[in-house]
Amino acid sequence: MDFNELKQSILACRDCEEKFGHTPSPIFHGTQRSKIMQISQAPSKNVHLTKRPFNDPSGDKLKYQWYQISDDEFYNEDNFYITSIAHCFPGKNGKGGDKPPPLACAKKWMATEMSFVDNQIFVIVGAKAANYLFPGIPFIDLVFNDHILNDKPAYVMPHPSPLNVKWFMDHPEFEERRLPFIRAMVWKALGKIK
């Protein structure tokens, strides 16, 4: 399988259709030469509808406040390979929140995606993605320490969702100390700083 075949296979995947109750729509973005591989948990409903990753309030915070980059930089396929442990919006639960991402998707595709992309760094967004990629390590340790994934530097961030406000209140040191460092690593990979 080459990279184009992988992309077509992911886009054609309908494994979770019965589980979701809607037609799956796999969302990912990037090329084999993307500088940064960003892995999050699953697309939101708005991303499902627009087919544009992080095209929602979480994405606004991630792109404009945390990374401090433009849409042109974020959606440039030479810059970011944007994927998730679940490529499709999983639907809503009975309380109105998103259902958890099905790990069957990650088990089927993630290792192959990671093997094809020649990225410089990984940015992992959210506890569900972090816990899948680094099982058994407390999330707080994942966020506040550097890691290695596929022999490359990896940085873990909490999810920028508005629903995550309590975590940010409990851990102000993330935005005060850790986030500026991760942003610098992102900018360095993008060639914005040396």
N, C-alpha and C. Protein backbone atom coordinates (compact mmCIF):
# COMPACT_ATOMS: atom_id res chain seq x y z
N MET A 1 0.84 -1.20 0.00
CA MET A 1 0.00 0.00 0.00
C MET A 1 0.88 1.24 0.00
N ASP A 2 0.62 2.17 -0.93
CA ASP A 2 1.33 3.45 -0.90
C ASP A 2 0.45 4.49 -0.19
N PHE A 3 0.97 5.70 -0.07
CA PHE A 3 0.28 6.72 0.71
C PHE A 3 -1.07 7.08 0.10
N ASN A 4 -1.13 7.18 -1.22
CA ASN A 4 -2.40 7.51 -1.87
C ASN A 4 -3.43 6.41 -1.64
N GLU A 5 -2.98 5.16 -1.68
CA GLU A 5 -3.90 4.05 -1.41
C GLU A 5 -4.39 4.09 0.03
N LEU A 6 -3.50 4.46 0.95
CA LEU A 6 -3.90 4.59 2.35
C LEU A 6 -4.99 5.65 2.49
N LYS A 7 -4.78 6.82 1.88
CA LYS A 7 -5.77 7.89 1.97
C LYS A 7 -7.13 7.44 1.42
N GLN A 8 -7.09 6.78 0.27
CA GLN A 8 -8.35 6.33 -0.33
C GLN A 8 -9.03 5.28 0.54
N SER A 9 -8.25 4.41 1.17
CA SER A 9 -8.82 3.38 2.03
C SER A 9 -9.47 3.99 3.27
N ILE A 10 -8.82 5.00 3.86
CA ILE A 10 -9.40 5.68 5.02
C ILE A 10 -10.69 6.39 4.61
N LEU A 11 -10.66 7.09 3.49
CA LEU A 11 -11.85 7.83 3.04
C LEU A 11 -13.02 6.90 2.73
N ALA A 12 -12.72 5.68 2.33
CA ALA A 12 -13.78 4.72 1.98
C ALA A 12 -14.28 3.92 3.19
N CYS A 13 -13.62 4.05 4.33
CA CYS A 13 -13.96 3.23 5.50
C CYS A 13 -15.36 3.58 6.02
N ARG A 14 -16.15 2.55 6.26
CA ARG A 14 -17.50 2.73 6.81
C ARG A 14 -17.73 1.74 7.97
N ASP A 15 -16.63 1.34 8.62
CA ASP A 15 -16.71 0.30 9.65
C ASP A 15 -17.67 0.65 10.79
N CYS A 16 -17.79 1.93 11.11
CA CYS A 16 -18.56 2.34 12.30
C CYS A 16 -19.97 2.82 11.97
N GLU A 17 -20.42 2.60 10.76
CA GLU A 17 -21.72 3.16 10.35
C GLU A 17 -22.86 2.71 11.26
N GLU A 18 -22.91 1.42 11.57
CA GLU A 18 -23.99 0.93 12.44
C GLU A 18 -23.85 1.47 13.86
N LYS A 19 -22.64 1.61 14.32
CA LYS A 19 -22.38 2.13 15.67
C LYS A 19 -22.79 3.59 15.79
N PHE A 20 -22.53 4.38 14.74
CA PHE A 20 -22.80 5.82 14.78
C PHE A 20 -24.27 6.15 14.55
N GLY A 21 -24.91 5.42 13.66
CA GLY A 21 -26.27 5.78 13.26
C GLY A 21 -26.30 6.87 12.21
N HIS A 22 -25.13 7.22 11.66
CA HIS A 22 -25.04 8.15 10.53
C HIS A 22 -23.89 7.70 9.65
N THR A 23 -23.85 8.19 8.43
CA THR A 23 -22.80 7.79 7.50
C THR A 23 -21.47 8.39 7.94
N PRO A 24 -20.48 7.55 8.20
CA PRO A 24 -19.17 8.08 8.58
C PRO A 24 -18.57 8.95 7.47
N SER A 25 -17.83 9.95 7.88
CA SER A 25 -17.16 10.85 6.94
C SER A 25 -15.75 11.10 7.45
N PRO A 26 -14.80 10.25 7.07
CA PRO A 26 -13.43 10.40 7.59
C PRO A 26 -12.82 11.75 7.23
N ILE A 27 -12.24 12.39 8.24
CA ILE A 27 -11.63 13.71 8.09
C ILE A 27 -10.15 13.61 8.48
N PHE A 28 -9.28 13.95 7.57
CA PHE A 28 -7.86 14.12 7.86
C PHE A 28 -7.28 14.97 6.75
N HIS A 29 -6.06 15.47 6.95
CA HIS A 29 -5.55 16.51 6.05
C HIS A 29 -4.04 16.51 6.13
N GLY A 30 -3.38 16.45 4.98
CA GLY A 30 -1.92 16.53 4.98
C GLY A 30 -1.29 15.62 3.95
N THR A 31 0.05 15.65 3.93
CA THR A 31 0.81 14.84 2.99
C THR A 31 1.91 14.10 3.72
N GLN A 32 2.65 13.32 2.98
CA GLN A 32 3.77 12.59 3.57
C GLN A 32 4.89 13.52 4.03
N ARG A 33 4.92 14.73 3.50
CA ARG A 33 6.01 15.66 3.82
C ARG A 33 5.62 16.70 4.86
N SER A 34 4.44 16.58 5.47
CA SER A 34 4.01 17.55 6.47
C SER A 34 5.02 17.63 7.62
N LYS A 35 5.32 18.84 8.06
CA LYS A 35 6.34 19.04 9.09
C LYS A 35 5.87 18.59 10.48
N ILE A 36 4.58 18.78 10.75
CA ILE A 36 4.01 18.49 12.07
C ILE A 36 2.86 17.50 11.90
N MET A 37 2.88 16.43 12.67
CA MET A 37 1.74 15.51 12.68
C MET A 37 0.96 15.79 13.95
N GLN A 38 -0.24 16.32 13.78
CA GLN A 38 -1.11 16.64 14.91
C GLN A 38 -2.17 15.55 15.02
N ILE A 39 -2.24 14.94 16.19
CA ILE A 39 -3.19 13.85 16.42
C ILE A 39 -4.13 14.24 17.56
N SER A 40 -5.42 14.29 17.26
CA SER A 40 -6.41 14.62 18.30
C SER A 40 -7.35 13.43 18.48
N GLN A 41 -8.55 13.67 19.03
CA GLN A 41 -9.39 12.52 19.39
C GLN A 41 -10.43 12.17 18.33
N ALA A 42 -11.21 13.12 17.85
CA ALA A 42 -12.21 12.85 16.81
C ALA A 42 -12.76 14.19 16.32
N PRO A 43 -13.23 14.24 15.07
CA PRO A 43 -13.83 15.48 14.58
C PRO A 43 -15.12 15.83 15.32
N SER A 44 -15.39 17.12 15.45
CA SER A 44 -16.64 17.59 16.03
C SER A 44 -17.75 17.51 14.98
N LYS A 45 -18.98 17.80 15.41
CA LYS A 45 -20.10 17.79 14.46
C LYS A 45 -19.89 18.84 13.38
N ASN A 46 -19.38 20.02 13.76
CA ASN A 46 -19.16 21.07 12.77
C ASN A 46 -18.11 20.66 11.75
N VAL A 47 -17.06 19.99 12.21
CA VAL A 47 -16.03 19.49 11.30
C VAL A 47 -16.64 18.43 10.38
N HIS A 48 -17.48 17.57 10.94
CA HIS A 48 -18.18 16.55 10.14
C HIS A 48 -19.00 17.20 9.02
N LEU A 49 -19.66 18.31 9.34
CA LEU A 49 -20.52 18.97 8.36
C LEU A 49 -19.73 19.76 7.32
N THR A 50 -18.63 20.39 7.74
CA THR A 50 -17.86 21.25 6.84
C THR A 50 -16.70 20.53 6.16
N LYS A 51 -16.32 19.37 6.70
CA LYS A 51 -15.19 18.57 6.16
C LYS A 51 -13.86 19.29 6.30
N ARG A 52 -13.76 20.21 7.26
CA ARG A 52 -12.53 20.98 7.47
C ARG A 52 -12.08 20.77 8.91
N PRO A 53 -10.92 20.16 9.13
CA PRO A 53 -10.49 19.86 10.50
C PRO A 53 -10.34 21.11 11.37
N PHE A 54 -10.76 20.99 12.61
CA PHE A 54 -10.67 22.07 13.61
C PHE A 54 -11.35 23.35 13.13
N ASN A 55 -12.43 23.20 12.39
CA ASN A 55 -13.24 24.33 11.95
C ASN A 55 -14.39 24.51 12.94
N ASP A 56 -14.03 24.88 14.17
CA ASP A 56 -14.99 24.98 15.26
C ASP A 56 -14.36 25.82 16.38
N PRO A 57 -15.08 26.09 17.48
CA PRO A 57 -14.48 26.92 18.55
C PRO A 57 -13.18 26.33 19.11
N SER A 58 -13.07 25.01 19.20
CA SER A 58 -11.82 24.41 19.67
C SER A 58 -10.68 24.75 18.71
N GLY A 59 -10.97 24.67 17.43
CA GLY A 59 -9.95 24.99 16.43
C GLY A 59 -9.54 26.44 16.46
N ASP A 60 -10.50 27.34 16.70
CA ASP A 60 -10.16 28.76 16.81
C ASP A 60 -9.16 28.99 17.94
N LYS A 61 -9.41 28.36 19.07
CA LYS A 61 -8.49 28.53 20.21
C LYS A 61 -7.13 27.91 19.88
N LEU A 62 -7.14 26.73 19.28
CA LEU A 62 -5.89 26.04 18.96
C LEU A 62 -5.04 26.86 17.97
N LYS A 63 -5.66 27.31 16.90
CA LYS A 63 -4.92 27.98 15.83
C LYS A 63 -4.49 29.39 16.22
N TYR A 64 -5.44 30.18 16.71
CA TYR A 64 -5.20 31.61 16.88
C TYR A 64 -4.61 31.98 18.24
N GLN A 65 -5.04 31.29 19.30
CA GLN A 65 -4.53 31.63 20.63
C GLN A 65 -3.32 30.77 21.01
N TRP A 66 -3.41 29.47 20.79
CA TRP A 66 -2.32 28.60 21.24
C TRP A 66 -1.15 28.60 20.27
N TYR A 67 -1.40 28.24 19.00
CA TYR A 67 -0.31 28.25 18.03
C TYR A 67 0.03 29.66 17.57
N GLN A 68 -0.93 30.57 17.58
CA GLN A 68 -0.77 31.93 17.07
C GLN A 68 -0.31 31.92 15.62
N ILE A 69 -1.07 31.15 14.81
CA ILE A 69 -0.81 31.07 13.38
C ILE A 69 -2.12 31.32 12.62
N SER A 70 -1.99 31.53 11.31
CA SER A 70 -3.15 31.81 10.46
C SER A 70 -3.74 30.50 9.92
N ASP A 71 -4.94 30.60 9.38
CA ASP A 71 -5.54 29.45 8.69
C ASP A 71 -4.65 29.00 7.54
N ASP A 72 -4.06 29.94 6.83
CA ASP A 72 -3.19 29.57 5.71
C ASP A 72 -2.02 28.70 6.18
N GLU A 73 -1.47 29.02 7.33
CA GLU A 73 -0.36 28.21 7.86
C GLU A 73 -0.86 26.86 8.36
N PHE A 74 -1.99 26.88 9.06
CA PHE A 74 -2.51 25.64 9.66
C PHE A 74 -2.96 24.64 8.59
N TYR A 75 -3.63 25.12 7.57
CA TYR A 75 -4.17 24.22 6.55
C TYR A 75 -3.23 23.98 5.38
N ASN A 76 -2.03 24.54 5.44
CA ASN A 76 -1.00 24.24 4.45
C ASN A 76 -0.52 22.81 4.68
N GLU A 77 -0.75 21.93 3.70
CA GLU A 77 -0.43 20.52 3.89
C GLU A 77 1.06 20.26 4.07
N ASP A 78 1.91 21.21 3.65
CA ASP A 78 3.35 21.06 3.93
C ASP A 78 3.65 21.29 5.41
N ASN A 79 2.75 21.97 6.10
CA ASN A 79 2.96 22.28 7.52
C ASN A 79 2.38 21.23 8.46
N PHE A 80 1.10 20.92 8.29
CA PHE A 80 0.41 20.05 9.25
C PHE A 80 -0.24 18.84 8.56
N TYR A 81 0.02 17.68 9.12
CA TYR A 81 -0.80 16.50 8.84
C TYR A 81 -1.75 16.41 10.03
N ILE A 82 -3.03 16.64 9.79
CA ILE A 82 -4.04 16.72 10.86
C ILE A 82 -4.87 15.46 10.84
N THR A 83 -4.79 14.68 11.90
CA THR A 83 -5.54 13.44 11.97
C THR A 83 -6.03 13.23 13.40
N SER A 84 -6.76 12.14 13.61
CA SER A 84 -7.33 11.84 14.92
C SER A 84 -7.29 10.34 15.16
N ILE A 85 -7.39 9.93 16.42
CA ILE A 85 -7.45 8.50 16.68
C ILE A 85 -8.74 7.91 16.14
N ALA A 86 -9.77 8.73 15.97
CA ALA A 86 -10.98 8.35 15.23
C ALA A 86 -11.19 9.40 14.13
N HIS A 87 -11.23 8.97 12.90
CA HIS A 87 -11.29 9.90 11.78
C HIS A 87 -12.67 10.53 11.60
N CYS A 88 -13.69 9.95 12.22
CA CYS A 88 -15.06 10.40 11.97
C CYS A 88 -15.72 10.93 13.25
N PHE A 89 -16.66 11.86 13.06
CA PHE A 89 -17.49 12.32 14.17
C PHE A 89 -18.29 11.13 14.70
N PRO A 90 -18.16 10.83 16.01
CA PRO A 90 -18.81 9.63 16.55
C PRO A 90 -20.27 9.79 16.93
N GLY A 91 -20.81 11.00 16.82
CA GLY A 91 -22.19 11.24 17.22
C GLY A 91 -22.27 11.78 18.63
N LYS A 92 -23.48 12.10 19.05
CA LYS A 92 -23.72 12.69 20.37
C LYS A 92 -24.22 11.61 21.34
N ASN A 93 -23.85 11.78 22.62
CA ASN A 93 -24.39 10.89 23.65
C ASN A 93 -25.71 11.46 24.17
N GLY A 94 -26.33 10.77 25.10
CA GLY A 94 -27.63 11.19 25.62
C GLY A 94 -27.62 12.51 26.34
N LYS A 95 -26.45 12.96 26.79
CA LYS A 95 -26.34 14.23 27.52
C LYS A 95 -25.97 15.40 26.61
N GLY A 96 -25.80 15.12 25.31
CA GLY A 96 -25.50 16.19 24.37
C GLY A 96 -24.03 16.36 24.04
N GLY A 97 -23.17 15.63 24.77
CA GLY A 97 -21.75 15.67 24.45
C GLY A 97 -21.41 14.69 23.34
N ASP A 98 -20.19 14.79 22.83
CA ASP A 98 -19.75 13.85 21.80
C ASP A 98 -19.48 12.48 22.42
N LYS A 99 -19.84 11.44 21.70
CA LYS A 99 -19.50 10.08 22.12
C LYS A 99 -17.98 9.92 22.07
N PRO A 100 -17.42 8.99 22.85
CA PRO A 100 -15.97 8.79 22.79
C PRO A 100 -15.54 8.25 21.43
N PRO A 101 -14.32 8.58 21.01
CA PRO A 101 -13.84 8.07 19.72
C PRO A 101 -13.66 6.56 19.77
N PRO A 102 -14.14 5.83 18.78
CA PRO A 102 -13.94 4.38 18.78
C PRO A 102 -12.48 4.03 18.52
N LEU A 103 -11.89 3.28 19.42
CA LEU A 103 -10.47 2.96 19.30
C LEU A 103 -10.20 1.99 18.16
N ALA A 104 -11.24 1.33 17.65
CA ALA A 104 -11.05 0.44 16.50
C ALA A 104 -10.45 1.20 15.32
N CYS A 105 -10.81 2.46 15.18
CA CYS A 105 -10.28 3.29 14.10
C CYS A 105 -8.77 3.46 14.27
N ALA A 106 -8.35 3.84 15.46
CA ALA A 106 -6.92 4.03 15.73
C ALA A 106 -6.15 2.74 15.51
N LYS A 107 -6.72 1.64 15.97
CA LYS A 107 -6.04 0.35 15.82
C LYS A 107 -5.91 -0.05 14.36
N LYS A 108 -6.86 0.36 13.55
CA LYS A 108 -6.84 0.01 12.12
C LYS A 108 -5.89 0.89 11.32
N TRP A 109 -5.81 2.21 11.63
CA TRP A 109 -5.14 3.15 10.74
C TRP A 109 -3.93 3.88 11.32
N MET A 110 -3.90 4.15 12.61
CA MET A 110 -2.94 5.12 13.15
C MET A 110 -1.48 4.74 12.90
N ALA A 111 -1.11 3.51 13.17
CA ALA A 111 0.30 3.12 13.00
C ALA A 111 0.73 3.27 11.54
N THR A 112 -0.16 2.93 10.61
CA THR A 112 0.17 3.05 9.19
C THR A 112 0.31 4.52 8.80
N GLU A 113 -0.60 5.37 9.27
CA GLU A 113 -0.48 6.80 8.99
C GLU A 113 0.85 7.34 9.50
N MET A 114 1.18 6.98 10.73
CA MET A 114 2.42 7.48 11.33
C MET A 114 3.65 6.99 10.57
N SER A 115 3.58 5.80 10.00
CA SER A 115 4.74 5.25 9.28
C SER A 115 4.96 5.96 7.95
N PHE A 116 3.90 6.53 7.36
CA PHE A 116 4.02 7.17 6.05
C PHE A 116 4.47 8.62 6.13
N VAL A 117 4.12 9.31 7.19
CA VAL A 117 4.38 10.76 7.25
C VAL A 117 5.77 11.02 7.82
N ASP A 118 6.55 11.80 7.08
CA ASP A 118 7.93 12.11 7.47
C ASP A 118 7.96 13.44 8.23
N ASN A 119 7.21 13.49 9.33
CA ASN A 119 7.10 14.71 10.12
C ASN A 119 8.33 14.93 10.99
N GLN A 120 8.48 16.18 11.45
CA GLN A 120 9.58 16.51 12.37
C GLN A 120 9.16 16.30 13.83
N ILE A 121 7.92 16.70 14.15
CA ILE A 121 7.42 16.58 15.53
C ILE A 121 5.97 16.10 15.51
N PHE A 122 5.54 15.60 16.66
CA PHE A 122 4.14 15.28 16.90
C PHE A 122 3.56 16.26 17.92
N VAL A 123 2.33 16.68 17.69
CA VAL A 123 1.56 17.39 18.71
C VAL A 123 0.30 16.58 18.95
N ILE A 124 0.12 16.16 20.19
CA ILE A 124 -1.02 15.33 20.56
C ILE A 124 -2.00 16.21 21.32
N VAL A 125 -3.25 16.25 20.84
CA VAL A 125 -4.25 17.15 21.40
C VAL A 125 -5.35 16.36 22.09
N GLY A 126 -5.42 16.49 23.42
CA GLY A 126 -6.49 15.86 24.18
C GLY A 126 -6.09 14.58 24.88
N ALA A 127 -6.75 14.33 26.02
CA ALA A 127 -6.41 13.18 26.86
C ALA A 127 -6.69 11.84 26.17
N LYS A 128 -7.77 11.76 25.41
CA LYS A 128 -8.10 10.48 24.78
C LYS A 128 -7.03 10.06 23.78
N ALA A 129 -6.56 10.99 22.98
CA ALA A 129 -5.48 10.69 22.03
C ALA A 129 -4.18 10.39 22.77
N ALA A 130 -3.88 11.20 23.79
CA ALA A 130 -2.64 11.00 24.55
C ALA A 130 -2.63 9.65 25.25
N ASN A 131 -3.75 9.28 25.86
CA ASN A 131 -3.80 8.01 26.58
C ASN A 131 -3.72 6.82 25.64
N TYR A 132 -4.20 6.98 24.42
CA TYR A 132 -4.06 5.89 23.44
C TYR A 132 -2.60 5.73 23.02
N LEU A 133 -1.94 6.84 22.75
CA LEU A 133 -0.57 6.79 22.24
C LEU A 133 0.47 6.54 23.33
N PHE A 134 0.15 6.93 24.57
CA PHE A 134 1.06 6.74 25.71
C PHE A 134 0.30 6.08 26.85
N PRO A 135 -0.08 4.83 26.69
CA PRO A 135 -0.91 4.18 27.71
C PRO A 135 -0.18 4.05 29.05
N GLY A 136 -0.95 4.24 30.12
CA GLY A 136 -0.41 4.02 31.46
C GLY A 136 0.31 5.19 32.08
N ILE A 137 0.48 6.28 31.33
CA ILE A 137 1.16 7.46 31.88
C ILE A 137 0.10 8.48 32.25
N PRO A 138 0.13 9.00 33.49
CA PRO A 138 -0.88 10.00 33.87
C PRO A 138 -0.87 11.20 32.92
N PHE A 139 -2.06 11.70 32.61
CA PHE A 139 -2.18 12.79 31.64
C PHE A 139 -1.38 14.01 32.05
N ILE A 140 -1.37 14.33 33.31
CA ILE A 140 -0.63 15.51 33.78
C ILE A 140 0.85 15.37 33.48
N ASP A 141 1.39 14.14 33.59
CA ASP A 141 2.79 13.90 33.25
C ASP A 141 3.02 14.01 31.74
N LEU A 142 2.03 13.58 30.96
CA LEU A 142 2.15 13.69 29.52
C LEU A 142 2.21 15.15 29.08
N VAL A 143 1.37 15.98 29.69
CA VAL A 143 1.30 17.39 29.29
C VAL A 143 2.57 18.15 29.65
N PHE A 144 3.10 17.90 30.83
CA PHE A 144 4.18 18.76 31.34
C PHE A 144 5.58 18.20 31.11
N ASN A 145 5.70 17.17 30.29
CA ASN A 145 7.01 16.62 29.94
C ASN A 145 7.09 16.38 28.45
N ASP A 146 8.33 16.36 27.94
CA ASP A 146 8.55 16.04 26.53
C ASP A 146 8.56 14.53 26.37
N HIS A 147 8.17 14.06 25.18
CA HIS A 147 8.11 12.62 24.92
C HIS A 147 8.67 12.31 23.55
N ILE A 148 8.84 11.03 23.30
CA ILE A 148 9.29 10.54 22.00
C ILE A 148 8.24 9.59 21.45
N LEU A 149 7.88 9.78 20.19
CA LEU A 149 6.91 8.92 19.51
C LEU A 149 7.49 8.62 18.14
N ASN A 150 7.63 7.35 17.82
CA ASN A 150 8.24 6.97 16.53
C ASN A 150 9.59 7.65 16.33
N ASP A 151 10.37 7.73 17.41
CA ASP A 151 11.72 8.31 17.39
C ASP A 151 11.74 9.82 17.08
N LYS A 152 10.61 10.49 17.31
CA LYS A 152 10.53 11.93 17.06
C LYS A 152 9.97 12.63 18.29
N PRO A 153 10.31 13.91 18.51
CA PRO A 153 9.76 14.64 19.66
C PRO A 153 8.24 14.71 19.59
N ALA A 154 7.61 14.55 20.75
CA ALA A 154 6.15 14.61 20.84
C ALA A 154 5.75 15.47 22.03
N TYR A 155 4.76 16.32 21.81
CA TYR A 155 4.28 17.24 22.83
C TYR A 155 2.78 17.06 22.99
N VAL A 156 2.34 16.97 24.24
CA VAL A 156 0.93 16.69 24.54
C VAL A 156 0.28 17.95 25.10
N MET A 157 -0.92 18.25 24.60
CA MET A 157 -1.69 19.38 25.11
C MET A 157 -3.08 18.91 25.50
N PRO A 158 -3.71 19.59 26.45
CA PRO A 158 -5.13 19.30 26.72
C PRO A 158 -5.95 19.71 25.51
N HIS A 159 -7.18 19.25 25.46
CA HIS A 159 -8.03 19.66 24.34
C HIS A 159 -8.47 21.10 24.55
N PRO A 160 -8.45 21.92 23.50
CA PRO A 160 -8.83 23.33 23.64
C PRO A 160 -10.34 23.56 23.69
N SER A 161 -11.11 22.52 23.86
CA SER A 161 -12.57 22.64 23.89
C SER A 161 -13.04 23.60 24.98
N PRO A 162 -14.09 24.38 24.70
CA PRO A 162 -14.69 25.22 25.74
C PRO A 162 -15.20 24.40 26.93
N LEU A 163 -15.46 23.11 26.71
CA LEU A 163 -15.94 22.24 27.79
C LEU A 163 -14.83 21.87 28.77
N ASN A 164 -13.60 22.21 28.42
CA ASN A 164 -12.44 21.81 29.23
C ASN A 164 -12.01 22.90 30.21
N VAL A 165 -12.88 23.84 30.47
CA VAL A 165 -12.51 25.03 31.26
C VAL A 165 -12.01 24.68 32.66
N LYS A 166 -12.58 23.65 33.28
CA LYS A 166 -12.15 23.29 34.64
C LYS A 166 -10.69 22.86 34.65
N TRP A 167 -10.28 22.11 33.64
CA TRP A 167 -8.88 21.66 33.59
C TRP A 167 -7.95 22.87 33.52
N PHE A 168 -8.30 23.86 32.72
CA PHE A 168 -7.45 25.05 32.60
C PHE A 168 -7.42 25.84 33.90
N MET A 169 -8.56 25.89 34.59
CA MET A 169 -8.59 26.59 35.88
C MET A 169 -7.74 25.85 36.91
N ASP A 170 -7.76 24.53 36.86
CA ASP A 170 -6.98 23.73 37.81
C ASP A 170 -5.49 23.71 37.49
N HIS A 171 -5.14 24.01 36.23
CA HIS A 171 -3.74 23.92 35.80
C HIS A 171 -3.34 25.18 35.04
N PRO A 172 -3.35 26.34 35.69
CA PRO A 172 -2.99 27.58 34.99
C PRO A 172 -1.56 27.57 34.46
N GLU A 173 -0.72 26.72 35.05
CA GLU A 173 0.68 26.66 34.61
C GLU A 173 0.81 26.15 33.17
N PHE A 174 -0.23 25.49 32.66
CA PHE A 174 -0.14 25.04 31.26
C PHE A 174 -0.02 26.25 30.34
N GLU A 175 -0.98 27.17 30.42
CA GLU A 175 -0.94 28.31 29.51
C GLU A 175 0.16 29.30 29.89
N GLU A 176 0.55 29.31 31.16
CA GLU A 176 1.60 30.25 31.59
C GLU A 176 2.99 29.78 31.18
N ARG A 177 3.27 28.46 31.35
CA ARG A 177 4.64 27.97 31.17
C ARG A 177 4.80 26.97 30.03
N ARG A 178 3.93 25.98 29.99
CA ARG A 178 4.12 24.88 29.03
C ARG A 178 3.74 25.28 27.61
N LEU A 179 2.62 25.96 27.46
CA LEU A 179 2.15 26.33 26.13
C LEU A 179 3.16 27.17 25.35
N PRO A 180 3.79 28.19 25.95
CA PRO A 180 4.77 28.96 25.18
C PRO A 180 5.91 28.09 24.63
N PHE A 181 6.31 27.07 25.41
CA PHE A 181 7.37 26.18 24.93
C PHE A 181 6.88 25.35 23.74
N ILE A 182 5.67 24.77 23.85
CA ILE A 182 5.14 23.96 22.75
C ILE A 182 4.95 24.83 21.51
N ARG A 183 4.44 26.05 21.70
CA ARG A 183 4.29 26.96 20.57
C ARG A 183 5.63 27.22 19.89
N ALA A 184 6.68 27.39 20.68
CA ALA A 184 8.01 27.62 20.11
C ALA A 184 8.47 26.41 19.29
N MET A 185 8.16 25.19 19.75
CA MET A 185 8.53 23.99 19.00
C MET A 185 7.74 23.90 17.69
N VAL A 186 6.49 24.31 17.73
CA VAL A 186 5.67 24.35 16.52
C VAL A 186 6.23 25.38 15.54
N TRP A 187 6.51 26.57 16.03
CA TRP A 187 7.07 27.63 15.18
C TRP A 187 8.41 27.22 14.60
N LYS A 188 9.23 26.53 15.40
CA LYS A 188 10.53 26.08 14.90
C LYS A 188 10.35 25.09 13.75
N ALA A 189 9.42 24.14 13.92
CA ALA A 189 9.15 23.16 12.85
C ALA A 189 8.63 23.85 11.60
N LEU A 190 7.86 24.92 11.79
CA LEU A 190 7.31 25.66 10.65
C LEU A 190 8.32 26.60 10.00
N GLY A 191 9.48 26.78 10.64
CA GLY A 191 10.49 27.68 10.12
C GLY A 191 10.25 29.13 10.46
N LYS A 192 9.37 29.39 11.43
CA LYS A 192 9.06 30.77 11.83
C LYS A 192 10.13 31.34 12.76
N ILE A 193 10.81 30.44 13.49
CA ILE A 193 11.94 30.85 14.34
C ILE A 193 13.05 29.82 14.19
N LYS A 194 14.27 30.20 14.52
CA LYS A 194 15.41 29.29 14.41
C LYS A 194 15.74 28.68 15.76
